Amino acid sequence: MTMIDPARPRSIRPRLSLPLQALIEAIATMLAALATLACTMAIAPGLGPSVLAVVLTLSLSRSQLDRDRRGRIEAALVLPMVAFATLGVGWLLRHWPWAGAATFVMGMSTSIWLRRFGPMARRAGSLIALPFVTLLTVPHVHAAADGVLPPPLVPIVIALLALLWVNVAHLLMRRLCGPMQAPPEAPAFAPAVREDAPRLAPSTRMAVQMAVALAAAFVVGFVFFAERWAWIVLTAFIVNSGNRGRLDVLHKSGMRVVGAAAGTVLALLFSLRLGLDGRTTAALMLASLFLGVWLRPFAYAWWALFVTVALALLQGFEGGTPAAMLWQRLEEIAIGAVVGVSAAWFVLPIRSTDVLRRRLADALGLLAAAMDPATATRDPAPFDAACQLVAQVAPPFRTVRWLTRPTRHTQPADWIDALLACRASADALITHGAANGALRQAIGAARKALRDPETLLPALRHLQKRLNDHALEIGHDAIPKTRSAASEA
């Protein structure tokens, strides 16, 4: 009979399914966006402030910067200052484009470089990035002359309104549905450094990649697409943001191009067939954003599709025939994707397999600590969060496996599936404080196998078998109903 650790949690709160949680979060996000938009239209009429309000609300809601009191205070203090600085960058992009582009590149790369200085600096970087992204849709936030506020105060007030309504929406969501599962934060990535590799921190390398990608996109856009540069820069930024290695950037760029192509075609059909007026266009844009926010957790292509629909409806197809505009936008999106992939692939590149092995090592290390008899508190949450981080990097590896299965026997995607298949049994054993010596040896063997990719998959599958066998030993009724590895995929 296995003794249950008294320090362990006595129950596990049932988790919402991923589709339901994504739907609830999408509803809360759009309610906050609509409330912020209504307030903005009352105090600062005009297209620019309205777009700023919606984009800031969407970004703040996804970033979860309001999830604790400290995050709310930091956002309330820093976001207005950043929004004011963004107003100046937008003015530069309008009157002195090259100076504005240089300032934009510096601001965005700095927001990534700050990640190396810990959680507080990482949150500050997120706050810096949020308003700057709006400049790629509306370069100059211009309020109407009959607005309540002086133009310099408009971005500051909109930023505070967005923060307020995101807080209200998330508080209401937690009261009605319970706490949502916050996305886990990736730990500082420290890959093994080869002798010939650049000895720079990953955040520094990603900041340099983003700076090169944005600078190249601005140069190409200003020189060859003077009136349509924003789509090139926006795509280069999107495919490099959240960089998890060069394979991730390549995969994301492909999803961006495919989704954007489909979204542009849909927007064109809406414009041609429905004869849209202003209110109908606004309603379609908001509906597109809602669908994009809801479906984004399932595949990035959905977000790319629906956000492209919204942007195409926002900017319209004036200035040429619809077919010509369609091909122009697809061309600009493709150019931006090529620029972004080239920067990630050739400028201080980060290997995606290094990122994956680092996250596998973190997950196995947390599993070993949780199974250690000396551990006083048994909590599966840290191991669960580490598994989520592993699942985040899975899509590009699974795509490669699908494309190259006939030519490659062992795939990194198999490592991911093997680890995620351990999660249900591991959660049960951690919760019930059950771990024998053979199981701990299997965990240690899997950690050692990280140094040899050829032995890693057999070690992970052996660990999975040990976990399942030991879970059966303590009884089926001791295993909580958790999500399967397939649902995590």
Protein backbone atom coordinates (compact mmCIF):
# COMPACT_ATOMS: atom_id res chain seq x y z
CA MET A 1 0.00 0.00 0.00
CA THR A 2 1.39 3.38 -0.99
CA MET A 3 1.41 6.09 1.65
CA ILE A 4 0.01 9.42 0.51
CA ASP A 5 2.09 12.45 1.26
CA PRO A 6 0.04 14.71 3.61
CA ALA A 7 1.59 17.76 2.01
CA ARG A 8 0.14 16.98 -1.38
CA PRO A 9 -3.03 18.73 -2.69
CA ARG A 10 -6.15 16.78 -1.69
CA SER A 11 -7.97 17.48 -4.93
CA ILE A 12 -7.34 18.68 -8.38
CA ARG A 13 -9.57 21.40 -9.73
CA PRO A 14 -11.24 20.26 -12.96
CA ARG A 15 -9.79 22.05 -15.95
CA LEU A 16 -11.84 23.57 -18.70
CA SER A 17 -11.35 22.11 -22.11
CA LEU A 18 -9.12 24.11 -24.43
CA PRO A 19 -11.95 25.12 -26.83
CA LEU A 20 -14.15 26.33 -23.96
CA GLN A 21 -11.36 28.24 -22.23
CA ALA A 22 -10.35 29.84 -25.54
CA LEU A 23 -13.97 30.85 -26.18
CA ILE A 24 -14.38 32.40 -22.72
CA GLU A 25 -11.13 34.32 -23.05
CA ALA A 26 -12.10 35.51 -26.55
CA ILE A 27 -15.45 36.78 -25.27
CA ALA A 28 -13.79 38.62 -22.38
CA THR A 29 -11.20 40.13 -24.73
CA MET A 30 -13.80 41.40 -27.19
CA LEU A 31 -15.98 42.82 -24.41
CA ALA A 32 -12.97 44.77 -23.16
CA ALA A 33 -12.19 45.90 -26.71
CA LEU A 34 -15.75 47.10 -27.31
CA ALA A 35 -15.82 48.99 -24.00
CA THR A 36 -12.46 50.64 -24.72
CA LEU A 37 -13.57 51.47 -28.26
CA ALA A 38 -16.83 53.07 -27.03
CA CYS A 39 -14.96 55.26 -24.53
CA THR A 40 -12.36 56.21 -27.13
CA MET A 41 -14.96 57.24 -29.71
CA ALA A 42 -16.59 59.47 -27.10
CA ILE A 43 -13.43 61.34 -26.13
CA ALA A 44 -11.31 61.14 -29.30
CA PRO A 45 -13.25 60.51 -32.53
CA GLY A 46 -11.22 59.28 -35.47
CA LEU A 47 -9.90 56.14 -37.08
CA GLY A 48 -6.43 56.24 -35.52
CA PRO A 49 -7.53 56.37 -31.86
CA SER A 50 -10.14 53.66 -32.48
CA VAL A 51 -7.58 51.29 -33.99
CA LEU A 52 -5.14 52.06 -31.17
CA ALA A 53 -7.85 51.22 -28.62
CA VAL A 54 -8.67 47.84 -30.16
CA VAL A 55 -5.07 46.79 -30.79
CA LEU A 56 -3.92 47.76 -27.29
CA THR A 57 -6.83 45.88 -25.72
CA LEU A 58 -6.16 42.72 -27.73
CA SER A 59 -2.45 42.83 -26.94
CA LEU A 60 -2.91 43.55 -23.23
CA SER A 61 -5.46 40.76 -22.87
CA ARG A 62 -3.19 38.20 -24.52
CA SER A 63 -0.11 39.31 -22.59
CA GLN A 64 -1.85 38.68 -19.22
CA LEU A 65 0.03 41.64 -17.72
CA ASP A 66 -2.94 42.28 -15.43
CA ARG A 67 -2.88 38.83 -13.81
CA ASP A 68 -1.49 40.15 -10.51
CA ARG A 69 -1.41 43.42 -8.60
CA ARG A 70 2.22 44.10 -9.38
CA GLY A 71 1.63 43.63 -13.09
CA ARG A 72 -1.32 46.04 -13.01
CA ILE A 73 0.71 48.70 -11.21
CA GLU A 74 3.64 48.34 -13.60
CA ALA A 75 1.35 48.54 -16.62
CA ALA A 76 -0.46 51.61 -15.24
CA LEU A 77 2.86 53.41 -14.70
CA VAL A 78 4.80 52.38 -17.79
CA LEU A 79 2.16 51.98 -20.51
CA PRO A 80 1.09 55.67 -20.66
CA MET A 81 4.72 56.78 -21.03
CA VAL A 82 5.31 54.25 -23.78
CA ALA A 83 2.09 55.28 -25.52
CA PHE A 84 3.23 58.90 -25.46
CA ALA A 85 6.58 57.91 -26.93
CA THR A 86 4.73 55.96 -29.60
CA LEU A 87 2.88 59.12 -30.57
CA GLY A 88 6.25 60.71 -31.34
CA VAL A 89 7.40 57.70 -33.38
CA GLY A 90 4.19 57.80 -35.38
CA TRP A 91 4.72 61.50 -36.07
CA LEU A 92 8.27 60.74 -37.25
CA LEU A 93 7.04 57.97 -39.56
CA ARG A 94 4.67 60.45 -41.12
CA HIS A 95 7.02 63.41 -41.54
CA TRP A 96 10.56 61.92 -41.44
CA PRO A 97 10.06 58.26 -42.37
CA TRP A 98 13.70 57.17 -42.11
CA ALA A 99 14.11 58.68 -38.64
CA GLY A 100 10.83 57.11 -37.59
CA ALA A 101 11.90 53.73 -38.95
CA ALA A 102 15.22 53.88 -37.07
CA THR A 103 13.43 54.76 -33.84
CA PHE A 104 10.89 52.00 -34.39
CA VAL A 105 13.62 49.40 -34.97
CA MET A 106 15.49 50.52 -31.86
CA GLY A 107 12.35 50.40 -29.70
CA MET A 108 11.26 46.94 -30.83
CA SER A 109 14.71 45.36 -30.56
CA THR A 110 15.21 46.92 -27.11
CA SER A 111 11.94 45.38 -25.91
CA ILE A 112 13.35 41.93 -26.77
CA TRP A 113 16.84 42.61 -25.40
CA LEU A 114 15.36 43.53 -22.00
CA ARG A 115 14.25 39.92 -21.47
CA ARG A 116 17.73 38.99 -20.26
CA PHE A 117 17.29 41.07 -17.08
CA GLY A 118 14.55 39.01 -15.44
CA PRO A 119 10.75 38.95 -15.13
CA MET A 120 10.27 42.65 -14.39
CA ALA A 121 12.35 43.68 -17.42
CA ARG A 122 10.51 41.10 -19.52
CA ARG A 123 7.17 42.67 -18.57
CA ALA A 124 8.56 46.13 -19.33
CA GLY A 125 9.61 44.86 -22.75
CA SER A 126 6.09 43.62 -23.39
CA LEU A 127 4.70 47.01 -22.45
CA ILE A 128 7.12 48.72 -24.84
CA ALA A 129 6.16 46.45 -27.71
CA LEU A 130 2.39 46.80 -27.38
CA PRO A 131 1.81 50.36 -28.63
CA PHE A 132 4.56 50.13 -31.25
CA VAL A 133 2.69 47.34 -33.03
CA THR A 134 -0.24 49.69 -33.66
CA LEU A 135 2.01 51.90 -35.77
CA LEU A 136 2.14 49.16 -38.40
CA THR A 137 -1.62 49.48 -38.95
CA VAL A 138 -2.13 53.21 -38.39
CA PRO A 139 1.24 55.05 -38.46
CA HIS A 140 -0.17 58.30 -37.08
CA VAL A 141 -2.73 58.38 -34.26
CA HIS A 142 -4.65 61.52 -35.17
CA ALA A 143 -7.68 62.60 -33.17
CA ALA A 144 -10.44 64.70 -34.66
CA ALA A 145 -10.43 68.42 -33.94
CA ASP A 146 -13.70 68.22 -31.98
CA GLY A 147 -12.35 65.66 -29.51
CA VAL A 148 -12.51 66.19 -25.76
CA LEU A 149 -8.78 65.71 -25.18
CA PRO A 150 -5.73 67.49 -26.60
CA PRO A 151 -4.03 65.22 -29.18
CA PRO A 152 -0.88 64.58 -27.06
CA LEU A 153 -3.01 63.09 -24.28
CA VAL A 154 -5.03 60.78 -26.51
CA PRO A 155 -2.63 57.75 -26.54
CA ILE A 156 -2.06 58.00 -22.78
CA VAL A 157 -5.77 58.01 -21.95
CA ILE A 158 -6.49 55.21 -24.43
CA ALA A 159 -3.74 53.08 -22.88
CA LEU A 160 -5.22 53.54 -19.40
CA LEU A 161 -8.73 52.82 -20.69
CA ALA A 162 -7.52 49.62 -22.33
CA LEU A 163 -5.82 48.52 -19.11
CA LEU A 164 -8.95 49.35 -17.08
CA TRP A 165 -11.37 47.40 -19.27
CA VAL A 166 -9.04 44.42 -19.64
CA ASN A 167 -8.86 44.28 -15.84
CA VAL A 168 -12.64 44.48 -15.54
CA ALA A 169 -13.21 41.81 -18.20
CA HIS A 170 -10.68 39.39 -16.69
CA LEU A 171 -12.07 39.96 -13.18
CA LEU A 172 -15.59 39.22 -14.43
CA MET A 173 -14.32 36.14 -16.26
CA ARG A 174 -12.65 34.82 -13.11
CA ARG A 175 -15.75 35.48 -10.98
CA LEU A 176 -18.07 33.67 -13.39
CA CYS A 177 -15.84 30.83 -14.61
CA GLY A 178 -13.08 30.51 -12.06
CA PRO A 179 -9.40 31.21 -12.70
CA MET A 180 -8.26 30.54 -16.23
CA GLN A 181 -5.02 28.69 -16.88
CA ALA A 182 -2.46 31.39 -17.62
CA PRO A 183 0.02 30.65 -20.39
CA PRO A 184 3.32 29.52 -18.89
CA GLU A 185 6.38 31.72 -19.25
CA ALA A 186 9.40 30.18 -20.87
CA PRO A 187 12.52 30.15 -18.69
CA ALA A 188 15.67 31.81 -19.85
CA PHE A 189 16.96 29.65 -22.68
CA ALA A 190 20.59 28.62 -22.33
CA PRO A 191 21.51 26.24 -25.14
CA ALA A 192 24.77 24.39 -25.27
CA VAL A 193 27.30 26.63 -26.96
CA ARG A 194 29.65 25.19 -29.54
CA GLU A 195 33.18 26.51 -29.74
CA ASP A 196 32.45 28.21 -33.07
CA ALA A 197 29.09 29.63 -32.00
CA PRO A 198 28.57 33.27 -30.99
CA ARG A 199 28.67 33.57 -27.22
CA LEU A 200 25.72 35.90 -26.88
CA ALA A 201 22.64 35.61 -24.69
CA PRO A 202 19.61 34.30 -26.60
CA SER A 203 17.67 37.52 -25.90
CA THR A 204 20.51 39.52 -27.44
CA ARG A 205 20.60 37.27 -30.50
CA MET A 206 16.82 37.54 -30.95
CA ALA A 207 16.98 41.32 -30.53
CA VAL A 208 19.65 41.53 -33.24
CA GLN A 209 17.57 39.29 -35.51
CA MET A 210 14.50 41.48 -35.01
CA ALA A 211 16.52 44.65 -35.65
CA VAL A 212 17.96 43.24 -38.88
CA ALA A 213 14.57 41.96 -40.07
CA LEU A 214 12.78 45.25 -39.37
CA ALA A 215 15.58 47.38 -40.84
CA ALA A 216 15.62 45.31 -44.02
CA ALA A 217 11.82 45.41 -44.23
CA PHE A 218 11.78 49.20 -43.88
CA VAL A 219 14.48 49.61 -46.53
CA VAL A 220 12.69 47.34 -49.00
CA GLY A 221 9.35 48.95 -48.19
CA PHE A 222 10.47 52.57 -48.43
CA VAL A 223 12.53 52.05 -51.58
CA PHE A 224 10.26 49.78 -53.61
CA PHE A 225 6.81 50.12 -51.99
CA ALA A 226 6.71 53.70 -50.79
CA GLU A 227 2.95 53.78 -50.18
CA ARG A 228 2.56 50.17 -49.04
CA TRP A 229 5.53 49.47 -46.78
CA ALA A 230 3.50 48.64 -43.67
CA TRP A 231 2.48 45.15 -44.81
CA ILE A 232 6.11 44.16 -45.38
CA VAL A 233 7.25 45.45 -42.00
CA LEU A 234 4.23 43.95 -40.21
CA THR A 235 4.89 40.49 -41.66
CA ALA A 236 8.62 40.64 -40.84
CA PHE A 237 7.72 41.57 -37.26
CA ILE A 238 5.07 38.86 -36.85
CA VAL A 239 7.20 35.97 -38.08
CA ASN A 240 10.11 36.99 -35.79
CA SER A 241 8.09 37.77 -32.66
CA GLY A 242 8.11 35.02 -30.07
CA ASN A 243 11.09 33.45 -31.86
CA ARG A 244 11.59 29.85 -30.66
CA GLY A 245 14.29 28.98 -33.16
CA ARG A 246 14.72 29.26 -36.89
CA LEU A 247 12.42 26.33 -37.68
CA ASP A 248 9.67 28.02 -35.67
CA VAL A 249 10.14 31.23 -37.68
CA LEU A 250 10.01 29.31 -40.96
CA HIS A 251 6.83 27.50 -39.91
CA LYS A 252 5.20 30.70 -38.68
CA SER A 253 6.04 32.51 -41.92
CA GLY A 254 4.41 29.72 -43.92
CA MET A 255 1.27 29.92 -41.77
CA ARG A 256 1.32 33.70 -42.10
CA VAL A 257 1.49 33.58 -45.89
CA VAL A 258 -1.20 30.90 -46.22
CA GLY A 259 -3.51 32.53 -43.70
CA ALA A 260 -2.94 36.02 -45.07
CA ALA A 261 -3.62 34.86 -48.61
CA ALA A 262 -6.93 33.30 -47.59
CA GLY A 263 -7.80 36.35 -45.49
CA THR A 264 -7.09 38.78 -48.29
CA VAL A 265 -9.27 36.79 -50.68
CA LEU A 266 -12.12 36.76 -48.14
CA ALA A 267 -11.82 40.51 -47.54
CA LEU A 268 -11.82 41.13 -51.28
CA LEU A 269 -14.94 39.01 -51.73
CA PHE A 270 -16.68 40.87 -48.90
CA SER A 271 -15.84 44.21 -50.47
CA LEU A 272 -16.92 43.19 -53.98
CA ARG A 273 -20.05 41.16 -53.25
CA LEU A 274 -21.62 42.78 -50.22
CA GLY A 275 -21.20 46.47 -50.99
CA LEU A 276 -20.07 47.21 -47.46
CA ASP A 277 -20.81 50.48 -45.69
CA GLY A 278 -18.85 51.81 -42.72
CA ARG A 279 -20.88 50.11 -39.97
CA THR A 280 -20.98 46.75 -41.71
CA THR A 281 -17.24 46.91 -42.33
CA ALA A 282 -16.60 47.71 -38.65
CA ALA A 283 -18.83 44.81 -37.56
CA LEU A 284 -17.02 42.40 -39.89
CA MET A 285 -13.65 43.59 -38.61
CA LEU A 286 -14.64 42.98 -34.99
CA ALA A 287 -16.12 39.59 -35.86
CA SER A 288 -12.90 38.66 -37.65
CA LEU A 289 -10.81 39.66 -34.65
CA PHE A 290 -13.05 37.64 -32.33
CA LEU A 291 -12.66 34.53 -34.48
CA GLY A 292 -8.90 35.10 -34.69
CA VAL A 293 -8.54 35.43 -30.90
CA TRP A 294 -10.71 32.36 -30.30
CA LEU A 295 -9.02 30.06 -32.82
CA ARG A 296 -5.42 31.21 -32.34
CA PRO A 297 -4.61 28.55 -29.67
CA PHE A 298 -5.41 25.82 -32.20
CA ALA A 299 -3.31 27.02 -35.13
CA TYR A 300 -1.48 30.24 -35.92
CA ALA A 301 -2.87 30.16 -39.47
CA TRP A 302 -6.34 30.99 -38.11
CA TRP A 303 -5.02 34.14 -36.45
CA ALA A 304 -3.14 35.13 -39.62
CA LEU A 305 -6.28 34.58 -41.70
CA PHE A 306 -8.71 36.60 -39.60
CA VAL A 307 -6.35 39.43 -38.66
CA THR A 308 -5.58 39.84 -42.37
CA VAL A 309 -9.31 40.04 -43.08
CA ALA A 310 -9.60 42.78 -40.45
CA LEU A 311 -6.59 44.73 -41.75
CA ALA A 312 -7.72 44.44 -45.37
CA LEU A 313 -11.19 45.70 -44.48
CA LEU A 314 -9.63 48.52 -42.43
CA GLN A 315 -7.34 49.73 -45.19
CA GLY A 316 -9.71 48.96 -48.07
CA PHE A 317 -8.87 48.31 -51.69
CA GLU A 318 -8.80 51.86 -52.94
CA GLY A 319 -6.05 52.98 -55.28
CA GLY A 320 -6.38 50.32 -57.95
CA THR A 321 -8.44 47.43 -59.22
CA PRO A 322 -9.34 44.83 -56.56
CA ALA A 323 -7.47 42.04 -58.35
CA ALA A 324 -4.34 44.17 -58.64
CA MET A 325 -4.55 45.14 -54.95
CA LEU A 326 -4.97 41.49 -53.99
CA TRP A 327 -1.78 40.44 -55.75
CA GLN A 328 0.09 43.47 -54.39
CA ARG A 329 -0.75 42.57 -50.81
CA LEU A 330 0.14 38.94 -51.26
CA GLU A 331 3.45 40.05 -52.76
CA GLU A 332 4.19 42.33 -49.82
CA ILE A 333 3.29 39.62 -47.30
CA ALA A 334 5.56 37.12 -49.07
CA ILE A 335 8.44 39.64 -49.16
CA GLY A 336 8.04 40.35 -45.45
CA ALA A 337 8.05 36.62 -44.69
CA VAL A 338 11.23 36.09 -46.70
CA VAL A 339 12.91 39.00 -44.89
CA GLY A 340 11.90 37.64 -41.48
CA VAL A 341 12.99 34.07 -42.22
CA SER A 342 16.31 35.23 -43.66
CA ALA A 343 17.13 37.22 -40.53
CA ALA A 344 16.28 34.30 -38.23
CA TRP A 345 18.13 31.78 -40.38
CA PHE A 346 21.38 33.62 -41.09
CA VAL A 347 21.81 36.28 -38.37
CA LEU A 348 23.02 34.67 -35.11
CA PRO A 349 20.62 31.74 -35.64
CA ILE A 350 19.10 29.75 -32.78
CA ARG A 351 18.56 26.06 -33.53
CA SER A 352 15.03 24.92 -32.78
CA THR A 353 16.28 21.52 -31.63
CA ASP A 354 18.39 23.28 -28.99
CA VAL A 355 15.29 25.08 -27.73
CA LEU A 356 13.35 21.80 -27.66
CA ARG A 357 16.08 19.90 -25.81
CA ARG A 358 16.34 22.74 -23.27
CA ARG A 359 12.60 22.54 -22.59
CA LEU A 360 12.68 18.76 -22.40
CA ALA A 361 15.52 19.04 -19.89
CA ASP A 362 13.52 21.52 -17.80
CA ALA A 363 10.46 19.24 -17.81
CA LEU A 364 12.42 16.15 -16.85
CA GLY A 365 14.27 18.09 -14.15
CA LEU A 366 10.97 19.21 -12.60
CA LEU A 367 9.64 15.65 -12.82
CA ALA A 368 12.73 14.34 -11.04
CA ALA A 369 12.38 16.95 -8.30
CA ALA A 370 8.68 16.15 -7.82
CA MET A 371 9.43 12.41 -7.55
CA ASP A 372 12.29 12.89 -5.11
CA PRO A 373 11.38 11.46 -1.67
CA ALA A 374 13.03 14.48 -0.07
CA THR A 375 10.51 16.84 -1.69
CA ALA A 376 8.08 18.00 0.99
CA THR A 377 5.31 19.38 -1.20
CA ARG A 378 3.97 17.34 -4.10
CA ASP A 379 2.49 19.59 -6.75
CA PRO A 380 2.12 18.59 -10.44
CA ALA A 381 1.68 22.22 -11.57
CA PRO A 382 5.37 22.96 -12.34
CA PHE A 383 5.72 19.80 -14.44
CA ASP A 384 2.42 20.59 -16.20
CA ALA A 385 3.66 24.09 -17.04
CA ALA A 386 6.90 22.66 -18.41
CA CYS A 387 4.92 20.23 -20.58
CA GLN A 388 2.91 23.14 -21.95
CA LEU A 389 6.14 24.89 -22.92
CA VAL A 390 7.24 21.75 -24.74
CA ALA A 391 3.86 21.59 -26.52
CA GLN A 392 4.32 25.21 -27.64
CA VAL A 393 7.27 24.27 -29.83
CA ALA A 394 5.59 21.16 -31.26
CA PRO A 395 3.80 22.45 -34.42
CA PRO A 396 6.88 23.08 -36.62
CA PHE A 397 8.44 19.75 -35.62
CA ARG A 398 5.21 17.91 -36.39
CA THR A 399 5.05 19.61 -39.77
CA VAL A 400 8.61 18.51 -40.52
CA ARG A 401 7.75 14.97 -39.44
CA TRP A 402 4.76 14.92 -41.79
CA LEU A 403 6.89 16.16 -44.68
CA THR A 404 9.97 14.01 -44.10
CA ARG A 405 8.66 10.82 -42.50
CA PRO A 406 9.67 8.63 -45.50
CA THR A 407 13.29 9.83 -45.31
CA ARG A 408 13.89 10.25 -41.57
CA HIS A 409 13.26 7.48 -39.05
CA THR A 410 13.65 9.41 -35.78
CA GLN A 411 12.00 12.81 -35.48
CA PRO A 412 12.18 15.43 -32.71
CA ALA A 413 8.37 15.48 -32.81
CA ASP A 414 8.49 11.91 -31.48
CA TRP A 415 10.36 13.17 -28.40
CA ILE A 416 7.57 15.67 -27.79
CA ASP A 417 4.81 13.08 -28.14
CA ALA A 418 6.63 10.66 -25.85
CA LEU A 419 7.02 13.25 -23.09
CA LEU A 420 3.44 14.51 -23.35
CA ALA A 421 2.21 10.91 -23.16
CA CYS A 422 3.80 10.75 -19.68
CA ARG A 423 1.82 13.65 -18.31
CA ALA A 424 -1.38 12.00 -17.02
CA SER A 425 0.41 9.20 -15.14
CA ALA A 426 3.07 11.59 -13.85
CA ASP A 427 0.41 13.98 -12.50
CA ALA A 428 -1.28 11.11 -10.67
CA LEU A 429 1.94 9.83 -9.12
CA ILE A 430 3.12 13.31 -8.11
CA THR A 431 -0.24 14.10 -6.55
CA HIS A 432 -0.31 10.85 -4.58
CA GLY A 433 3.34 10.95 -3.60
CA ALA A 434 4.12 7.63 -5.23
CA ALA A 435 7.51 6.95 -6.83
CA ASN A 436 9.64 3.83 -6.63
CA GLY A 437 13.35 3.44 -7.31
CA ALA A 438 12.89 2.01 -10.81
CA LEU A 439 10.83 5.00 -11.83
CA ARG A 440 13.39 7.48 -10.53
CA GLN A 441 16.11 5.60 -12.40
CA ALA A 442 14.06 5.86 -15.61
CA ILE A 443 13.78 9.61 -15.14
CA GLY A 444 17.53 9.87 -14.63
CA ALA A 445 18.20 7.78 -17.74
CA ALA A 446 15.96 10.04 -19.82
CA ARG A 447 17.80 13.12 -18.57
CA LYS A 448 21.17 11.60 -19.48
CA ALA A 449 19.85 10.61 -22.93
CA LEU A 450 19.34 14.30 -23.79
CA ARG A 451 23.05 14.34 -24.64
CA ASP A 452 22.57 11.62 -27.26
CA PRO A 453 19.58 12.18 -29.60
CA GLU A 454 19.73 8.58 -30.84
CA THR A 455 18.94 7.20 -27.38
CA LEU A 456 16.48 9.89 -26.28
CA LEU A 457 13.31 8.42 -27.79
CA PRO A 458 13.81 4.90 -26.35
CA ALA A 459 14.57 6.46 -22.95
CA LEU A 460 11.41 8.57 -23.02
CA ARG A 461 9.28 5.60 -24.05
CA HIS A 462 10.81 3.52 -21.27
CA LEU A 463 9.97 6.32 -18.83
CA GLN A 464 6.40 6.38 -20.13
CA LYS A 465 6.07 2.64 -19.54
CA ARG A 466 7.47 2.92 -16.02
CA LEU A 467 5.05 5.74 -15.19
CA ASN A 468 2.05 3.86 -16.55
CA ASP A 469 3.00 0.62 -14.79
CA HIS A 470 3.52 2.35 -11.44
CA ALA A 471 0.25 4.25 -11.81
CA LEU A 472 -1.52 0.93 -12.33
CA GLU A 473 0.17 -0.45 -9.23
CA ILE A 474 -1.39 2.21 -7.02
CA GLY A 475 -4.82 1.60 -8.58
CA HIS A 476 -6.86 3.09 -11.43
CA ASP A 477 -9.02 5.03 -8.99
CA ALA A 478 -5.98 7.06 -7.90
CA ILE A 479 -5.44 8.46 -11.38
CA PRO A 480 -7.28 11.76 -11.85
CA LYS A 481 -9.05 12.51 -15.06
CA THR A 482 -6.55 14.67 -16.85
CA ARG A 483 -6.11 15.70 -20.43
CA SER A 484 -4.49 13.19 -22.66
CA ALA A 485 -1.32 13.80 -24.60
CA ALA A 486 -3.39 13.89 -27.76
CA SER A 487 -5.45 16.81 -26.46
CA GLU A 488 -2.27 18.65 -25.52
CA ALA A 489 -1.07 18.31 -29.12
